Amino acid sequence: MSDDAKPKKKLAIVSCMDTRLVNFLSEKLGIGRGDAKVIKNAGNIVMDDTLRSLVVAIYLLDVDKIMVVGHTDCGMKSVDVNDIKNKMLERGANPYFTPNLEQWLGKIDSEEDNIIKGVDLIKNHPAIPKNMDVRGYILDIDTGNLNQLC
């Protein structure tokens, strides 16, 4: 592999699956194909599967920097858990599937607090190296400004 083909950054990004972020983050961060491992989920919420993916990125793919990037106007802040539950039942989901849906879905109260909590969870997880560079950012959907929170 030539030096030009090698990834420029050993970076993992935890971000939201919101379609408004498609290509926006790569342009804002100046990253191209192969520069970052991107882990997306509804609300960029750090949960077990996110941590599992980060462990793989760190120990198998040599990631040495993690960014948790949330955004303003996140739908997970206004999610109606009862509405989702009703839609699940209407579409034939098992009515006996009864986790705490608010917790399972990841409803958030504040985009900023969610990012700070995610960074804290990553930094303090026993499988994450203590010297890992982990930072949190929020992207303003209206202005395109990317601001570091922690």
N, C-alpha and C. Protein backbone atom coordinates (compact mmCIF):
# COMPACT_ATOMS: atom_id res chain seq x y z
N MET A 1 0.86 -1.18 0.00
CA MET A 1 0.00 0.00 0.00
C MET A 1 0.90 1.24 0.00
N SER A 2 0.67 2.15 -0.91
CA SER A 2 1.46 3.37 -0.97
C SER A 2 1.07 4.30 0.18
N ASP A 3 1.97 5.26 0.48
CA ASP A 3 1.69 6.22 1.55
C ASP A 3 0.43 7.02 1.25
N ASP A 4 0.18 7.30 -0.04
CA ASP A 4 -1.00 8.06 -0.41
C ASP A 4 -2.29 7.30 -0.14
N ALA A 5 -2.24 5.97 -0.17
CA ALA A 5 -3.44 5.16 0.03
C ALA A 5 -3.71 4.87 1.50
N LYS A 6 -2.73 5.13 2.36
CA LYS A 6 -2.91 4.84 3.78
C LYS A 6 -3.81 5.89 4.42
N PRO A 7 -4.62 5.48 5.39
CA PRO A 7 -5.45 6.46 6.09
C PRO A 7 -4.58 7.54 6.73
N LYS A 8 -5.03 8.78 6.66
CA LYS A 8 -4.27 9.90 7.20
C LYS A 8 -4.44 10.01 8.70
N LYS A 9 -5.53 9.51 9.20
CA LYS A 9 -5.83 9.68 10.62
C LYS A 9 -6.24 8.34 11.21
N LYS A 10 -5.84 8.11 12.42
CA LYS A 10 -6.26 6.92 13.16
C LYS A 10 -7.38 7.37 14.08
N LEU A 11 -8.51 7.65 13.48
CA LEU A 11 -9.62 8.33 14.13
C LEU A 11 -10.88 7.49 14.09
N ALA A 12 -11.61 7.50 15.21
CA ALA A 12 -12.96 6.92 15.26
C ALA A 12 -13.91 8.05 15.62
N ILE A 13 -15.05 8.07 14.93
CA ILE A 13 -16.06 9.09 15.19
C ILE A 13 -17.35 8.39 15.57
N VAL A 14 -17.91 8.77 16.71
CA VAL A 14 -19.23 8.31 17.12
C VAL A 14 -20.17 9.45 16.77
N SER A 15 -21.13 9.18 15.91
CA SER A 15 -22.00 10.24 15.42
C SER A 15 -23.43 9.74 15.27
N CYS A 16 -24.31 10.66 15.02
CA CYS A 16 -25.72 10.36 14.83
C CYS A 16 -25.98 9.88 13.41
N MET A 17 -27.03 9.10 13.24
CA MET A 17 -27.39 8.60 11.92
C MET A 17 -28.22 9.60 11.11
N ASP A 18 -28.47 10.78 11.66
CA ASP A 18 -29.25 11.81 10.99
C ASP A 18 -28.70 12.07 9.59
N THR A 19 -29.55 12.02 8.59
CA THR A 19 -29.11 12.18 7.20
C THR A 19 -28.59 13.58 6.90
N ARG A 20 -28.90 14.54 7.75
CA ARG A 20 -28.37 15.89 7.54
C ARG A 20 -26.86 15.94 7.75
N LEU A 21 -26.29 14.90 8.36
CA LEU A 21 -24.85 14.87 8.60
C LEU A 21 -24.07 14.20 7.47
N VAL A 22 -24.75 13.57 6.52
CA VAL A 22 -24.07 12.89 5.43
C VAL A 22 -23.20 13.89 4.67
N ASN A 23 -21.94 13.57 4.53
CA ASN A 23 -20.92 14.39 3.87
C ASN A 23 -20.57 15.67 4.62
N PHE A 24 -21.43 16.10 5.53
CA PHE A 24 -21.19 17.34 6.27
C PHE A 24 -19.99 17.20 7.19
N LEU A 25 -19.95 16.09 7.94
CA LEU A 25 -18.85 15.88 8.86
C LEU A 25 -17.52 15.72 8.13
N SER A 26 -17.51 14.95 7.06
CA SER A 26 -16.25 14.75 6.34
C SER A 26 -15.73 16.06 5.79
N GLU A 27 -16.62 16.90 5.27
CA GLU A 27 -16.20 18.21 4.78
C GLU A 27 -15.70 19.09 5.92
N LYS A 28 -16.42 19.10 7.02
CA LYS A 28 -16.07 19.95 8.16
C LYS A 28 -14.75 19.53 8.79
N LEU A 29 -14.49 18.22 8.85
CA LEU A 29 -13.29 17.71 9.50
C LEU A 29 -12.13 17.52 8.53
N GLY A 30 -12.39 17.66 7.25
CA GLY A 30 -11.33 17.48 6.26
C GLY A 30 -10.85 16.05 6.15
N ILE A 31 -11.77 15.11 6.31
CA ILE A 31 -11.39 13.71 6.22
C ILE A 31 -11.96 13.11 4.93
N GLY A 32 -11.23 12.15 4.41
CA GLY A 32 -11.67 11.46 3.21
C GLY A 32 -11.90 10.00 3.47
N ARG A 33 -12.15 9.29 2.41
CA ARG A 33 -12.39 7.85 2.49
C ARG A 33 -11.20 7.16 3.15
N GLY A 34 -11.48 6.36 4.15
CA GLY A 34 -10.44 5.61 4.85
C GLY A 34 -9.76 6.35 5.99
N ASP A 35 -10.11 7.61 6.19
CA ASP A 35 -9.47 8.39 7.25
C ASP A 35 -10.05 8.14 8.64
N ALA A 36 -11.28 7.65 8.72
CA ALA A 36 -11.92 7.50 10.03
C ALA A 36 -12.84 6.29 10.03
N LYS A 37 -12.95 5.69 11.20
CA LYS A 37 -13.94 4.65 11.44
C LYS A 37 -15.14 5.37 12.01
N VAL A 38 -16.28 5.29 11.32
CA VAL A 38 -17.46 6.04 11.74
C VAL A 38 -18.50 5.08 12.30
N ILE A 39 -18.90 5.35 13.54
CA ILE A 39 -19.91 4.54 14.23
C ILE A 39 -21.13 5.42 14.39
N LYS A 40 -22.21 5.06 13.72
CA LYS A 40 -23.42 5.89 13.75
C LYS A 40 -24.56 5.14 14.43
N ASN A 41 -25.33 5.89 15.18
CA ASN A 41 -26.57 5.36 15.75
C ASN A 41 -27.51 6.52 16.03
N ALA A 42 -28.73 6.21 16.34
CA ALA A 42 -29.71 7.25 16.64
C ALA A 42 -29.27 8.02 17.88
N GLY A 43 -28.97 9.29 17.71
CA GLY A 43 -28.61 10.14 18.83
C GLY A 43 -27.16 10.08 19.28
N ASN A 44 -26.28 9.44 18.51
CA ASN A 44 -24.86 9.28 18.88
C ASN A 44 -24.70 8.88 20.35
N ILE A 45 -25.53 7.94 20.77
CA ILE A 45 -25.56 7.52 22.17
C ILE A 45 -24.54 6.41 22.39
N VAL A 46 -23.68 6.58 23.37
CA VAL A 46 -22.66 5.59 23.68
C VAL A 46 -23.29 4.50 24.53
N MET A 47 -23.44 3.32 23.93
CA MET A 47 -23.99 2.16 24.61
C MET A 47 -23.03 0.99 24.40
N ASP A 48 -23.39 -0.20 24.85
CA ASP A 48 -22.50 -1.35 24.77
C ASP A 48 -21.99 -1.62 23.36
N ASP A 49 -22.86 -1.55 22.35
CA ASP A 49 -22.42 -1.86 21.00
C ASP A 49 -21.45 -0.80 20.48
N THR A 50 -21.65 0.44 20.88
CA THR A 50 -20.72 1.51 20.50
C THR A 50 -19.35 1.23 21.11
N LEU A 51 -19.34 0.88 22.37
CA LEU A 51 -18.08 0.58 23.06
C LEU A 51 -17.39 -0.64 22.45
N ARG A 52 -18.16 -1.65 22.09
CA ARG A 52 -17.60 -2.83 21.43
C ARG A 52 -16.92 -2.44 20.13
N SER A 53 -17.58 -1.60 19.34
CA SER A 53 -16.99 -1.16 18.08
C SER A 53 -15.74 -0.32 18.31
N LEU A 54 -15.74 0.50 19.35
CA LEU A 54 -14.55 1.30 19.66
C LEU A 54 -13.39 0.41 20.09
N VAL A 55 -13.66 -0.62 20.85
CA VAL A 55 -12.59 -1.55 21.25
C VAL A 55 -11.97 -2.20 20.02
N VAL A 56 -12.79 -2.62 19.09
CA VAL A 56 -12.28 -3.20 17.83
C VAL A 56 -11.45 -2.16 17.08
N ALA A 57 -11.95 -0.94 17.00
CA ALA A 57 -11.23 0.13 16.29
C ALA A 57 -9.87 0.41 16.93
N ILE A 58 -9.83 0.41 18.25
CA ILE A 58 -8.58 0.71 18.96
C ILE A 58 -7.57 -0.41 18.82
N TYR A 59 -8.01 -1.64 19.11
CA TYR A 59 -7.05 -2.74 19.22
C TYR A 59 -6.79 -3.48 17.91
N LEU A 60 -7.69 -3.40 16.96
CA LEU A 60 -7.45 -4.06 15.67
C LEU A 60 -7.13 -3.08 14.55
N LEU A 61 -7.60 -1.85 14.67
CA LEU A 61 -7.43 -0.88 13.58
C LEU A 61 -6.57 0.32 13.97
N ASP A 62 -5.94 0.24 15.14
CA ASP A 62 -4.97 1.23 15.60
C ASP A 62 -5.50 2.65 15.78
N VAL A 63 -6.76 2.79 16.12
CA VAL A 63 -7.32 4.11 16.39
C VAL A 63 -6.64 4.69 17.64
N ASP A 64 -6.29 5.97 17.56
CA ASP A 64 -5.70 6.62 18.73
C ASP A 64 -6.42 7.91 19.11
N LYS A 65 -7.51 8.22 18.42
CA LYS A 65 -8.31 9.40 18.75
C LYS A 65 -9.78 9.08 18.52
N ILE A 66 -10.63 9.50 19.45
CA ILE A 66 -12.07 9.29 19.34
C ILE A 66 -12.78 10.63 19.47
N MET A 67 -13.70 10.86 18.55
CA MET A 67 -14.54 12.05 18.60
C MET A 67 -15.99 11.61 18.76
N VAL A 68 -16.68 12.18 19.72
CA VAL A 68 -18.12 11.99 19.85
C VAL A 68 -18.74 13.28 19.31
N VAL A 69 -19.48 13.15 18.20
CA VAL A 69 -20.01 14.33 17.52
C VAL A 69 -21.54 14.25 17.49
N GLY A 70 -22.15 15.13 18.25
CA GLY A 70 -23.60 15.26 18.23
C GLY A 70 -23.98 16.48 17.41
N HIS A 71 -25.26 16.78 17.40
CA HIS A 71 -25.72 17.93 16.63
C HIS A 71 -26.95 18.55 17.26
N THR A 72 -27.18 19.80 16.92
CA THR A 72 -28.38 20.48 17.39
C THR A 72 -29.59 19.90 16.68
N ASP A 73 -30.76 20.12 17.25
CA ASP A 73 -32.02 19.67 16.66
C ASP A 73 -32.06 18.16 16.46
N CYS A 74 -31.54 17.42 17.42
CA CYS A 74 -31.52 15.95 17.33
C CYS A 74 -32.91 15.39 17.64
N GLY A 75 -33.37 14.51 16.79
CA GLY A 75 -34.69 13.90 16.96
C GLY A 75 -34.82 13.05 18.20
N MET A 76 -33.70 12.56 18.74
CA MET A 76 -33.76 11.73 19.93
C MET A 76 -34.09 12.55 21.17
N LYS A 77 -34.05 13.85 21.05
CA LYS A 77 -34.45 14.71 22.16
C LYS A 77 -35.97 14.80 22.26
N SER A 78 -36.64 14.71 21.12
CA SER A 78 -38.10 14.86 21.11
C SER A 78 -38.84 13.56 20.80
N VAL A 79 -38.13 12.44 20.85
CA VAL A 79 -38.77 11.17 20.53
C VAL A 79 -39.93 10.90 21.51
N ASP A 80 -41.03 10.42 20.96
CA ASP A 80 -42.20 10.06 21.76
C ASP A 80 -42.20 8.54 21.90
N VAL A 81 -41.77 8.08 23.06
CA VAL A 81 -41.61 6.65 23.31
C VAL A 81 -42.92 5.91 23.15
N ASN A 82 -44.02 6.47 23.65
CA ASN A 82 -45.33 5.81 23.53
C ASN A 82 -45.76 5.71 22.07
N ASP A 83 -45.49 6.74 21.29
CA ASP A 83 -45.81 6.72 19.86
C ASP A 83 -45.04 5.60 19.16
N ILE A 84 -43.76 5.47 19.47
CA ILE A 84 -42.96 4.39 18.87
C ILE A 84 -43.50 3.04 19.30
N LYS A 85 -43.84 2.90 20.58
CA LYS A 85 -44.37 1.62 21.08
C LYS A 85 -45.66 1.27 20.34
N ASN A 86 -46.55 2.23 20.17
CA ASN A 86 -47.81 1.98 19.45
C ASN A 86 -47.55 1.59 18.00
N LYS A 87 -46.61 2.25 17.35
CA LYS A 87 -46.27 1.93 15.96
C LYS A 87 -45.64 0.55 15.85
N MET A 88 -44.86 0.18 16.84
CA MET A 88 -44.27 -1.15 16.86
C MET A 88 -45.38 -2.21 16.90
N LEU A 89 -46.35 -2.01 17.78
CA LEU A 89 -47.44 -2.96 17.92
C LEU A 89 -48.31 -3.00 16.66
N GLU A 90 -48.59 -1.83 16.08
CA GLU A 90 -49.38 -1.76 14.85
C GLU A 90 -48.73 -2.52 13.71
N ARG A 91 -47.40 -2.52 13.68
CA ARG A 91 -46.69 -3.16 12.58
C ARG A 91 -46.31 -4.60 12.88
N GLY A 92 -46.79 -5.12 14.01
CA GLY A 92 -46.62 -6.54 14.30
C GLY A 92 -45.45 -6.92 15.17
N ALA A 93 -44.83 -5.96 15.84
CA ALA A 93 -43.75 -6.31 16.77
C ALA A 93 -44.33 -7.14 17.91
N ASN A 94 -43.52 -7.96 18.48
CA ASN A 94 -43.94 -8.83 19.57
C ASN A 94 -44.42 -7.97 20.75
N PRO A 95 -45.67 -8.12 21.16
CA PRO A 95 -46.19 -7.31 22.27
C PRO A 95 -45.52 -7.63 23.61
N TYR A 96 -44.81 -8.74 23.69
CA TYR A 96 -44.14 -9.13 24.92
C TYR A 96 -42.71 -8.58 25.01
N PHE A 97 -42.32 -7.84 23.97
CA PHE A 97 -41.02 -7.17 23.99
C PHE A 97 -41.18 -5.94 24.87
N THR A 98 -40.70 -6.05 26.11
CA THR A 98 -41.01 -5.01 27.09
C THR A 98 -39.79 -4.45 27.83
N PRO A 99 -38.75 -4.04 27.10
CA PRO A 99 -37.68 -3.37 27.84
C PRO A 99 -38.16 -1.97 28.25
N ASN A 100 -37.39 -1.31 29.06
CA ASN A 100 -37.66 0.10 29.33
C ASN A 100 -37.35 0.83 28.03
N LEU A 101 -38.40 1.12 27.24
CA LEU A 101 -38.21 1.67 25.90
C LEU A 101 -37.50 3.02 25.91
N GLU A 102 -37.77 3.85 26.89
CA GLU A 102 -37.10 5.15 26.93
C GLU A 102 -35.59 4.96 27.04
N GLN A 103 -35.18 4.04 27.89
CA GLN A 103 -33.76 3.76 28.06
C GLN A 103 -33.21 3.02 26.84
N TRP A 104 -33.93 2.02 26.35
CA TRP A 104 -33.47 1.19 25.24
C TRP A 104 -33.34 2.01 23.96
N LEU A 105 -34.30 2.88 23.69
CA LEU A 105 -34.25 3.71 22.50
C LEU A 105 -33.21 4.82 22.63
N GLY A 106 -32.97 5.27 23.83
CA GLY A 106 -31.95 6.29 24.06
C GLY A 106 -32.47 7.71 23.99
N LYS A 107 -33.67 7.93 24.49
CA LYS A 107 -34.19 9.31 24.53
C LYS A 107 -33.23 10.18 25.32
N ILE A 108 -32.93 11.37 24.78
CA ILE A 108 -32.02 12.27 25.46
C ILE A 108 -32.75 13.55 25.87
N ASP A 109 -32.25 14.19 26.91
CA ASP A 109 -32.83 15.45 27.38
C ASP A 109 -32.10 16.65 26.79
N SER A 110 -30.80 16.48 26.52
CA SER A 110 -29.97 17.58 26.05
C SER A 110 -28.89 17.03 25.13
N GLU A 111 -28.75 17.62 23.96
CA GLU A 111 -27.71 17.17 23.03
C GLU A 111 -26.32 17.32 23.66
N GLU A 112 -26.08 18.45 24.32
CA GLU A 112 -24.78 18.71 24.93
C GLU A 112 -24.48 17.72 26.05
N ASP A 113 -25.45 17.52 26.95
CA ASP A 113 -25.25 16.58 28.06
C ASP A 113 -25.01 15.16 27.54
N ASN A 114 -25.70 14.79 26.47
CA ASN A 114 -25.52 13.46 25.89
C ASN A 114 -24.09 13.27 25.39
N ILE A 115 -23.53 14.28 24.76
CA ILE A 115 -22.16 14.21 24.26
C ILE A 115 -21.17 14.10 25.41
N ILE A 116 -21.33 14.95 26.41
CA ILE A 116 -20.43 14.94 27.57
C ILE A 116 -20.51 13.60 28.29
N LYS A 117 -21.72 13.07 28.45
CA LYS A 117 -21.89 11.76 29.09
C LYS A 117 -21.21 10.66 28.27
N GLY A 118 -21.36 10.72 26.94
CA GLY A 118 -20.73 9.72 26.08
C GLY A 118 -19.22 9.75 26.17
N VAL A 119 -18.64 10.93 26.17
CA VAL A 119 -17.19 11.07 26.32
C VAL A 119 -16.74 10.49 27.66
N ASP A 120 -17.48 10.79 28.71
CA ASP A 120 -17.15 10.28 30.04
C ASP A 120 -17.23 8.75 30.09
N LEU A 121 -18.27 8.19 29.48
CA LEU A 121 -18.41 6.72 29.45
C LEU A 121 -17.23 6.07 28.73
N ILE A 122 -16.83 6.65 27.62
CA ILE A 122 -15.71 6.10 26.86
C ILE A 122 -14.42 6.20 27.67
N LYS A 123 -14.14 7.39 28.18
CA LYS A 123 -12.89 7.61 28.93
C LYS A 123 -12.77 6.70 30.14
N ASN A 124 -13.89 6.38 30.77
CA ASN A 124 -13.86 5.61 32.01
C ASN A 124 -14.19 4.13 31.84
N HIS A 125 -14.35 3.69 30.60
CA HIS A 125 -14.64 2.27 30.38
C HIS A 125 -13.36 1.46 30.60
N PRO A 126 -13.46 0.32 31.29
CA PRO A 126 -12.25 -0.45 31.61
C PRO A 126 -11.51 -1.00 30.39
N ALA A 127 -12.14 -1.10 29.24
CA ALA A 127 -11.48 -1.63 28.05
C ALA A 127 -10.79 -0.55 27.22
N ILE A 128 -11.01 0.70 27.56
CA ILE A 128 -10.43 1.81 26.81
C ILE A 128 -9.13 2.25 27.48
N PRO A 129 -8.05 2.38 26.72
CA PRO A 129 -6.78 2.82 27.32
C PRO A 129 -6.92 4.20 27.97
N LYS A 130 -6.32 4.38 29.10
CA LYS A 130 -6.43 5.64 29.85
C LYS A 130 -5.83 6.82 29.09
N ASN A 131 -4.90 6.56 28.17
CA ASN A 131 -4.27 7.65 27.43
C ASN A 131 -4.97 7.95 26.10
N MET A 132 -6.13 7.37 25.88
CA MET A 132 -6.87 7.60 24.63
C MET A 132 -7.36 9.05 24.58
N ASP A 133 -7.16 9.67 23.44
CA ASP A 133 -7.63 11.04 23.21
C ASP A 133 -9.11 10.96 22.83
N VAL A 134 -9.99 11.40 23.74
CA VAL A 134 -11.44 11.34 23.52
C VAL A 134 -12.00 12.74 23.73
N ARG A 135 -12.68 13.24 22.72
CA ARG A 135 -13.24 14.59 22.79
C ARG A 135 -14.67 14.61 22.29
N GLY A 136 -15.43 15.59 22.76
CA GLY A 136 -16.82 15.73 22.37
C GLY A 136 -17.09 17.04 21.66
N TYR A 137 -17.90 16.97 20.61
CA TYR A 137 -18.21 18.14 19.79
C TYR A 137 -19.70 18.18 19.49
N ILE A 138 -20.18 19.40 19.24
CA ILE A 138 -21.56 19.55 18.77
C ILE A 138 -21.53 20.35 17.47
N LEU A 139 -22.28 19.85 16.51
CA LEU A 139 -22.40 20.49 15.21
C LEU A 139 -23.72 21.25 15.16
N ASP A 140 -23.65 22.54 14.89
CA ASP A 140 -24.85 23.34 14.75
C ASP A 140 -25.40 23.12 13.34
N ILE A 141 -26.55 22.48 13.26
CA ILE A 141 -27.15 22.13 11.98
C ILE A 141 -27.44 23.38 11.13
N ASP A 142 -27.79 24.49 11.77
CA ASP A 142 -28.14 25.69 11.02
C ASP A 142 -26.92 26.44 10.49
N THR A 143 -25.87 26.55 11.30
CA THR A 143 -24.72 27.36 10.91
C THR A 143 -23.56 26.54 10.35
N GLY A 144 -23.52 25.25 10.68
CA GLY A 144 -22.40 24.41 10.27
C GLY A 144 -21.21 24.51 11.20
N ASN A 145 -21.32 25.28 12.28
CA ASN A 145 -20.22 25.42 13.24
C ASN A 145 -20.06 24.14 14.05
N LEU A 146 -18.82 23.72 14.19
CA LEU A 146 -18.48 22.55 15.00
C LEU A 146 -17.73 23.07 16.23
N ASN A 147 -18.33 22.90 17.40
CA ASN A 147 -17.76 23.42 18.64
C ASN A 147 -17.39 22.29 19.58
N GLN A 148 -16.19 22.38 20.15
CA GLN A 148 -15.75 21.39 21.13
C GLN A 148 -16.41 21.66 22.47
N LEU A 149 -16.99 20.63 23.06
CA LEU A 149 -17.63 20.73 24.38
C LEU A 149 -16.71 20.22 25.48
N CYS A 150 -15.97 19.17 25.18
CA CYS A 150 -15.11 18.57 26.20
C CYS A 150 -14.00 17.77 25.53
